[in-house]
Amino acid sequence: MKKFELYSAEFVSKYRKPKCVMSIIEANNYAEVIQELESNAGWYTGGNGAFKVAYIEEVVE
């Protein structure tokens, strides 16, 4: 299994600082990640919340 970082679009926090949300997931390949996101209309849903994914990057160790 490979690791992928999922990032949200940037937004402004209540303290007027730019932020984004990131989560690391495991999948066999990009196609599997994209298929899962498409089945959720582009949303990642995890144990600690949900966000619309704007960027995917493979983690290279």
PDB file of N, CA and C in Angstrom:
ATOM      1  N   MET A   1       0.843  -1.182   0.000  1.00  0.00           N
ATOM      2  CA  MET A   1       0.000   0.000   0.000  1.00  0.00           C
ATOM      3  C   MET A   1       0.890   1.247   0.000  1.00  0.00           C
ATOM      4  N   LYS A   2       0.427   2.245  -0.723  1.00  0.00           N
ATOM      5  CA  LYS A   2       1.118   3.524  -0.774  1.00  0.00           C
ATOM      6  C   LYS A   2       0.370   4.522   0.093  1.00  0.00           C
ATOM      7  N   LYS A   3       1.068   5.584   0.491  1.00  0.00           N
ATOM      8  CA  LYS A   3       0.446   6.644   1.280  1.00  0.00           C
ATOM      9  C   LYS A   3       0.234   7.862   0.388  1.00  0.00           C
ATOM     10  N   PHE A   4      -0.900   8.521   0.598  1.00  0.00           N
ATOM     11  CA  PHE A   4      -1.247   9.715  -0.154  1.00  0.00           C
ATOM     12  C   PHE A   4      -1.685  10.807   0.815  1.00  0.00           C
ATOM     13  N   GLU A   5      -1.260  12.036   0.523  1.00  0.00           N
ATOM     14  CA  GLU A   5      -1.694  13.185   1.309  1.00  0.00           C
ATOM     15  C   GLU A   5      -2.820  13.865   0.542  1.00  0.00           C
ATOM     16  N   LEU A   6      -3.925  14.116   1.219  1.00  0.00           N
ATOM     17  CA  LEU A   6      -5.062  14.814   0.632  1.00  0.00           C
ATOM     18  C   LEU A   6      -5.134  16.199   1.262  1.00  0.00           C
ATOM     19  N   TYR A   7      -5.228  17.237   0.438  1.00  0.00           N
ATOM     20  CA  TYR A   7      -5.270  18.614   0.921  1.00  0.00           C
ATOM     21  C   TYR A   7      -6.568  19.289   0.509  1.00  0.00           C
ATOM     22  N   SER A   8      -7.086  20.134   1.388  1.00  0.00           N
ATOM     23  CA  SER A   8      -8.241  20.952   1.051  1.00  0.00           C
ATOM     24  C   SER A   8      -7.762  22.223   0.362  1.00  0.00           C
ATOM     25  N   ALA A   9      -8.710  22.994  -0.145  1.00  0.00           N
ATOM     26  CA  ALA A   9      -8.386  24.318  -0.666  1.00  0.00           C
ATOM     27  C   ALA A   9      -8.027  25.212   0.531  1.00  0.00           C
ATOM     28  N   GLU A  10      -7.260  26.240   0.274  1.00  0.00           N
ATOM     29  CA  GLU A  10      -6.869  27.148   1.342  1.00  0.00           C
ATOM     30  C   GLU A  10      -8.056  28.017   1.750  1.00  0.00           C
ATOM     31  N   PHE A  11      -8.154  28.285   3.042  1.00  0.00           N
ATOM     32  CA  PHE A  11      -9.205  29.161   3.562  1.00  0.00           C
ATOM     33  C   PHE A  11      -8.608  30.040   4.649  1.00  0.00           C
ATOM     34  N   VAL A  12      -9.370  31.000   5.123  1.00  0.00           N
ATOM     35  CA  VAL A  12      -8.882  31.929   6.146  1.00  0.00           C
ATOM     36  C   VAL A  12      -9.508  31.547   7.481  1.00  0.00           C
ATOM     37  N   SER A  13      -8.647  31.380   8.489  1.00  0.00           N
ATOM     38  CA  SER A  13      -9.125  31.012   9.824  1.00  0.00           C
ATOM     39  C   SER A  13      -9.794  32.212  10.498  1.00  0.00           C
ATOM     40  N   LYS A  14     -10.391  31.954  11.656  1.00  0.00           N
ATOM     41  CA  LYS A  14     -11.027  33.051  12.397  1.00  0.00           C
ATOM     42  C   LYS A  14     -10.007  34.078  12.878  1.00  0.00           C
ATOM     43  N   TYR A  15      -8.719  33.695  12.865  1.00  0.00           N
ATOM     44  CA  TYR A  15      -7.641  34.618  13.237  1.00  0.00           C
ATOM     45  C   TYR A  15      -7.044  35.314  12.017  1.00  0.00           C
ATOM     46  N   ARG A  16      -7.721  35.167  10.878  1.00  0.00           N
ATOM     47  CA  ARG A  16      -7.324  35.786   9.599  1.00  0.00           C
ATOM     48  C   ARG A  16      -5.972  35.296   9.094  1.00  0.00           C
ATOM     49  N   LYS A  17      -5.708  34.017   9.344  1.00  0.00           N
ATOM     50  CA  LYS A  17      -4.487  33.366   8.849  1.00  0.00           C
ATOM     51  C   LYS A  17      -4.877  32.322   7.814  1.00  0.00           C
ATOM     52  N   PRO A  18      -4.110  32.211   6.714  1.00  0.00           N
ATOM     53  CA  PRO A  18      -4.423  31.176   5.712  1.00  0.00           C
ATOM     54  C   PRO A  18      -4.140  29.773   6.267  1.00  0.00           C
ATOM     55  N   LYS A  19      -5.052  28.846   5.998  1.00  0.00           N
ATOM     56  CA  LYS A  19      -4.921  27.478   6.485  1.00  0.00           C
ATOM     57  C   LYS A  19      -5.437  26.518   5.412  1.00  0.00           C
ATOM     58  N   CYS A  20      -5.101  25.245   5.576  1.00  0.00           N
ATOM     59  CA  CYS A  20      -5.718  24.181   4.793  1.00  0.00           C
ATOM     60  C   CYS A  20      -5.750  22.936   5.670  1.00  0.00           C
ATOM     61  N   VAL A  21      -6.592  21.989   5.268  1.00  0.00           N
ATOM     62  CA  VAL A  21      -6.723  20.739   6.010  1.00  0.00           C
ATOM     63  C   VAL A  21      -5.983  19.667   5.229  1.00  0.00           C
ATOM     64  N   MET A  22      -5.301  18.741   5.921  1.00  0.00           N
ATOM     65  CA  MET A  22      -4.560  17.670   5.269  1.00  0.00           C
ATOM     66  C   MET A  22      -4.799  16.374   6.020  1.00  0.00           C
ATOM     67  N   SER A  23      -4.886  15.286   5.268  1.00  0.00           N
ATOM     68  CA  SER A  23      -5.023  13.965   5.863  1.00  0.00           C
ATOM     69  C   SER A  23      -4.198  12.984   5.050  1.00  0.00           C
ATOM     70  N   ILE A  24      -3.635  11.982   5.709  1.00  0.00           N
ATOM     71  CA  ILE A  24      -2.855  10.940   5.030  1.00  0.00           C
ATOM     72  C   ILE A  24      -3.698   9.667   4.993  1.00  0.00           C
ATOM     73  N   ILE A  25      -3.797   9.080   3.795  1.00  0.00           N
ATOM     74  CA  ILE A  25      -4.543   7.832   3.635  1.00  0.00           C
ATOM     75  C   ILE A  25      -3.652   6.806   2.949  1.00  0.00           C
ATOM     76  N   GLU A  26      -4.076   5.557   2.968  1.00  0.00           N
ATOM     77  CA  GLU A  26      -3.361   4.487   2.270  1.00  0.00           C
ATOM     78  C   GLU A  26      -4.251   3.922   1.174  1.00  0.00           C
ATOM     79  N   ALA A  27      -3.647   3.673   0.008  1.00  0.00           N
ATOM     80  CA  ALA A  27      -4.356   3.085  -1.131  1.00  0.00           C
ATOM     81  C   ALA A  27      -3.317   2.411  -2.018  1.00  0.00           C
ATOM     82  N   ASN A  28      -3.777   1.595  -2.944  1.00  0.00           N
ATOM     83  CA  ASN A  28      -2.864   0.903  -3.855  1.00  0.00           C
ATOM     84  C   ASN A  28      -2.308   1.822  -4.935  1.00  0.00           C
ATOM     85  N   ASN A  29      -3.122   2.794  -5.396  1.00  0.00           N
ATOM     86  CA  ASN A  29      -2.685   3.700  -6.469  1.00  0.00           C
ATOM     87  C   ASN A  29      -3.589   4.931  -6.517  1.00  0.00           C
ATOM     88  N   TYR A  30      -3.215   5.901  -7.387  1.00  0.00           N
ATOM     89  CA  TYR A  30      -3.995   7.126  -7.543  1.00  0.00           C
ATOM     90  C   TYR A  30      -5.424   6.831  -7.970  1.00  0.00           C
ATOM     91  N   ALA A  31      -5.596   5.875  -8.883  1.00  0.00           N
ATOM     92  CA  ALA A  31      -6.922   5.563  -9.408  1.00  0.00           C
ATOM     93  C   ALA A  31      -7.870   5.160  -8.283  1.00  0.00           C
ATOM     94  N   GLU A  32      -7.383   4.398  -7.337  1.00  0.00           N
ATOM     95  CA  GLU A  32      -8.204   3.976  -6.202  1.00  0.00           C
ATOM     96  C   GLU A  32      -8.615   5.174  -5.351  1.00  0.00           C
ATOM     97  N   VAL A  33      -7.692   6.090  -5.132  1.00  0.00           N
ATOM     98  CA  VAL A  33      -7.986   7.300  -4.354  1.00  0.00           C
ATOM     99  C   VAL A  33      -9.043   8.137  -5.076  1.00  0.00           C
ATOM    100  N   ILE A  34      -8.833   8.356  -6.357  1.00  0.00           N
ATOM    101  CA  ILE A  34      -9.755   9.180  -7.133  1.00  0.00           C
ATOM    102  C   ILE A  34     -11.135   8.541  -7.210  1.00  0.00           C
ATOM    103  N   GLN A  35     -11.189   7.240  -7.382  1.00  0.00           N
ATOM    104  CA  GLN A  35     -12.477   6.541  -7.440  1.00  0.00           C
ATOM    105  C   GLN A  35     -13.249   6.732  -6.136  1.00  0.00           C
ATOM    106  N   GLU A  36     -12.564   6.605  -5.023  1.00  0.00           N
ATOM    107  CA  GLU A  36     -13.222   6.785  -3.722  1.00  0.00           C
ATOM    108  C   GLU A  36     -13.731   8.219  -3.554  1.00  0.00           C
ATOM    109  N   LEU A  37     -12.911   9.192  -3.956  1.00  0.00           N
ATOM    110  CA  LEU A  37     -13.331  10.592  -3.844  1.00  0.00           C
ATOM    111  C   LEU A  37     -14.516  10.893  -4.757  1.00  0.00           C
ATOM    112  N   GLU A  38     -14.489  10.355  -5.981  1.00  0.00           N
ATOM    113  CA  GLU A  38     -15.594  10.582  -6.912  1.00  0.00           C
ATOM    114  C   GLU A  38     -16.898   9.995  -6.386  1.00  0.00           C
ATOM    115  N   SER A  39     -16.812   8.884  -5.669  1.00  0.00           N
ATOM    116  CA  SER A  39     -18.027   8.279  -5.110  1.00  0.00           C
ATOM    117  C   SER A  39     -18.610   9.136  -3.983  1.00  0.00           C
ATOM    118  N   ASN A  40     -17.805  10.056  -3.440  1.00  0.00           N
ATOM    119  CA  ASN A  40     -18.261  10.971  -2.386  1.00  0.00           C
ATOM    120  C   ASN A  40     -18.333  12.412  -2.889  1.00  0.00           C
ATOM    121  N   ALA A  41     -18.490  12.598  -4.196  1.00  0.00           N
ATOM    122  CA  ALA A  41     -18.605  13.925  -4.813  1.00  0.00           C
ATOM    123  C   ALA A  41     -17.404  14.816  -4.504  1.00  0.00           C
ATOM    124  N   GLY A  42     -16.205  14.203  -4.386  1.00  0.00           N
ATOM    125  CA  GLY A  42     -14.980  14.960  -4.149  1.00  0.00           C
ATOM    126  C   GLY A  42     -14.652  15.205  -2.693  1.00  0.00           C
ATOM    127  N   TRP A  43     -15.463  14.675  -1.787  1.00  0.00           N
ATOM    128  CA  TRP A  43     -15.248  14.877  -0.360  1.00  0.00           C
ATOM    129  C   TRP A  43     -14.484  13.711   0.249  1.00  0.00           C
ATOM    130  N   TYR A  44     -13.544  14.040   1.147  1.00  0.00           N
ATOM    131  CA  TYR A  44     -12.883  13.025   1.972  1.00  0.00           C
ATOM    132  C   TYR A  44     -13.598  13.038   3.316  1.00  0.00           C
ATOM    133  N   THR A  45     -14.017  11.892   3.788  1.00  0.00           N
ATOM    134  CA  THR A  45     -14.658  11.794   5.094  1.00  0.00           C
ATOM    135  C   THR A  45     -13.829  10.860   5.957  1.00  0.00           C
ATOM    136  N   GLY A  46     -13.374  11.354   7.073  1.00  0.00           N
ATOM    137  CA  GLY A  46     -12.561  10.568   7.987  1.00  0.00           C
ATOM    138  C   GLY A  46     -13.150  10.591   9.373  1.00  0.00           C
ATOM    139  N   GLY A  47     -12.453   9.965  10.305  1.00  0.00           N
ATOM    140  CA  GLY A  47     -12.918   9.894  11.676  1.00  0.00           C
ATOM    141  C   GLY A  47     -12.980  11.234  12.386  1.00  0.00           C
ATOM    142  N   ASN A  48     -12.197  12.211  11.912  1.00  0.00           N
ATOM    143  CA  ASN A  48     -12.148  13.498  12.600  1.00  0.00           C
ATOM    144  C   ASN A  48     -12.762  14.638  11.795  1.00  0.00           C
ATOM    145  N   GLY A  49     -13.498  14.342  10.731  1.00  0.00           N
ATOM    146  CA  GLY A  49     -14.147  15.387   9.955  1.00  0.00           C
ATOM    147  C   GLY A  49     -14.169  15.080   8.474  1.00  0.00           C
ATOM    148  N   ALA A  50     -14.556  16.078   7.701  1.00  0.00           N
ATOM    149  CA  ALA A  50     -14.645  15.922   6.254  1.00  0.00           C
ATOM    150  C   ALA A  50     -14.208  17.221   5.576  1.00  0.00           C
ATOM    151  N   PHE A  51     -13.657  17.090   4.366  1.00  0.00           N
ATOM    152  CA  PHE A  51     -13.298  18.273   3.589  1.00  0.00           C
ATOM    153  C   PHE A  51     -13.291  17.930   2.104  1.00  0.00           C
ATOM    154  N   LYS A  52     -13.479  18.941   1.291  1.00  0.00           N
ATOM    155  CA  LYS A  52     -13.444  18.794  -0.164  1.00  0.00           C
ATOM    156  C   LYS A  52     -11.972  18.777  -0.582  1.00  0.00           C
ATOM    157  N   VAL A  53     -11.566  17.741  -1.302  1.00  0.00           N
ATOM    158  CA  VAL A  53     -10.159  17.574  -1.676  1.00  0.00           C
ATOM    159  C   VAL A  53      -9.841  18.439  -2.902  1.00  0.00           C
ATOM    160  N   ALA A  54      -8.754  19.207  -2.789  1.00  0.00           N
ATOM    161  CA  ALA A  54      -8.302  20.061  -3.878  1.00  0.00           C
ATOM    162  C   ALA A  54      -6.988  19.563  -4.484  1.00  0.00           C
ATOM    163  N   TYR A  55      -6.219  18.766  -3.729  1.00  0.00           N
ATOM    164  CA  TYR A  55      -4.888  18.355  -4.188  1.00  0.00           C
ATOM    165  C   TYR A  55      -4.534  17.006  -3.567  1.00  0.00           C
ATOM    166  N   ILE A  56      -3.924  16.125  -4.365  1.00  0.00           N
ATOM    167  CA  ILE A  56      -3.480  14.817  -3.897  1.00  0.00           C
ATOM    168  C   ILE A  56      -1.998  14.684  -4.213  1.00  0.00           C
ATOM    169  N   GLU A  57      -1.229  14.217  -3.235  1.00  0.00           N
ATOM    170  CA  GLU A  57       0.210  14.014  -3.435  1.00  0.00           C
ATOM    171  C   GLU A  57       0.618  12.667  -2.846  1.00  0.00           C
ATOM    172  N   GLU A  58       1.398  11.913  -3.602  1.00  0.00           N
ATOM    173  CA  GLU A  58       1.893  10.629  -3.104  1.00  0.00           C
ATOM    174  C   GLU A  58       3.066  10.877  -2.156  1.00  0.00           C
ATOM    175  N   VAL A  59       3.079  10.180  -1.035  1.00  0.00           N
ATOM    176  CA  VAL A  59       4.155  10.287  -0.065  1.00  0.00           C
ATOM    177  C   VAL A  59       5.292   9.365  -0.511  1.00  0.00           C
ATOM    178  N   VAL A  60       6.463   9.930  -0.707  1.00  0.00           N
ATOM    179  CA  VAL A  60       7.626   9.133  -1.107  1.00  0.00           C
ATOM    180  C   VAL A  60       8.526   9.014   0.101  1.00  0.00           C
ATOM    181  N   GLU A  61       8.755   7.771   0.500  1.00  0.00           N
ATOM    182  CA  GLU A  61       9.585   7.543   1.690  1.00  0.00           C
ATOM    183  C   GLU A  61      10.968   7.091   1.322  1.00  0.00           C
TER     184      GLU A  61
END
